[in-house]
Amino acid sequence: MRKVRSVAGDSVNLLLYRETARSDDAAEEALWKLNPTLAEYGPVLPAGVWVTLPELDSKPAAIKPVLAWD
């Protein structure tokens, strides 16, 4: 697992997307499990908060779109 520091103005979702290129529900859930105290900072993190990033696959599972003619 890797640790990164937040930049002023980061939200948890923005930090997750910038560092892992993912912000889907599974990635967010894994991040919150590793960092349960992040909620204490509110919706915008101050600069310098250490965040542990989860080990994730590079791409989330692809969801097949439903087409009208299927």
Protein backbone atom coordinates (compact mmCIF):
# COMPACT_ATOMS: atom_id res chain seq x y z
CA MET A 1 0.00 0.00 0.00
CA ARG A 2 1.14 3.47 -0.83
CA LYS A 3 0.70 6.68 1.16
CA VAL A 4 0.23 10.11 -0.37
CA ARG A 5 -0.31 13.58 1.05
CA SER A 6 -3.31 15.68 0.21
CA VAL A 7 -3.02 19.01 -1.57
CA ALA A 8 -5.04 22.00 -0.33
CA GLY A 9 -8.54 21.78 -1.77
CA ASP A 10 -8.51 18.01 -2.36
CA SER A 11 -11.65 16.03 -1.79
CA VAL A 12 -11.25 12.33 -1.07
CA ASN A 13 -12.76 11.48 -4.46
CA LEU A 14 -10.43 13.86 -6.33
CA LEU A 15 -7.35 12.52 -4.54
CA LEU A 16 -8.40 8.94 -5.28
CA TYR A 17 -8.94 9.68 -8.97
CA ARG A 18 -5.68 11.62 -9.33
CA GLU A 19 -3.59 8.87 -7.73
CA THR A 20 -5.32 5.72 -9.03
CA ALA A 21 -7.32 6.88 -12.09
CA ARG A 22 -10.40 5.34 -10.48
CA SER A 23 -13.22 6.78 -8.42
CA ASP A 24 -15.85 4.07 -8.64
CA ASP A 25 -17.75 2.72 -5.63
CA ALA A 26 -15.42 -0.25 -5.03
CA ALA A 27 -12.33 1.98 -5.02
CA GLU A 28 -13.95 4.51 -2.68
CA GLU A 29 -15.11 1.81 -0.29
CA ALA A 30 -11.60 0.34 -0.10
CA LEU A 31 -10.13 3.80 0.55
CA TRP A 32 -12.60 4.57 3.36
CA LYS A 33 -11.89 1.20 5.02
CA LEU A 34 -8.18 2.03 5.10
CA ASN A 35 -8.73 5.65 6.25
CA PRO A 36 -11.77 5.79 8.55
CA THR A 37 -10.68 9.08 10.17
CA LEU A 38 -10.73 11.07 6.91
CA ALA A 39 -14.39 11.93 7.49
CA GLU A 40 -13.32 14.10 10.44
CA TYR A 41 -11.81 16.62 7.98
CA GLY A 42 -15.09 17.26 6.18
CA PRO A 43 -15.68 17.35 2.42
CA VAL A 44 -12.41 19.18 1.61
CA LEU A 45 -9.13 17.90 3.02
CA PRO A 46 -6.51 20.33 4.31
CA ALA A 47 -3.03 20.17 2.80
CA GLY A 48 -0.63 17.58 4.17
CA VAL A 49 -3.04 14.86 5.32
CA TRP A 50 -1.53 11.40 4.82
CA VAL A 51 -3.89 9.06 2.95
CA THR A 52 -3.27 5.34 2.49
CA LEU A 53 -4.27 4.20 -0.99
CA PRO A 54 -5.76 0.75 -1.52
CA GLU A 55 -4.26 -1.82 -3.89
CA LEU A 56 -6.60 -1.73 -6.90
CA ASP A 57 -6.77 -3.22 -10.36
CA SER A 58 -5.90 -0.64 -12.98
CA LYS A 59 -9.40 -0.69 -14.50
CA PRO A 60 -12.76 -1.44 -12.88
CA ALA A 61 -14.85 -4.26 -14.28
CA ALA A 62 -16.52 -3.10 -17.48
CA ILE A 63 -20.29 -2.93 -17.40
CA LYS A 64 -21.96 -3.98 -20.61
CA PRO A 65 -24.41 -1.31 -21.71
CA VAL A 66 -28.02 -2.28 -22.29
CA LEU A 67 -29.16 -1.50 -25.81
CA ALA A 68 -32.73 -0.86 -26.87
CA TRP A 69 -32.61 -3.60 -29.52
CA ASP A 70 -31.25 -6.34 -27.20
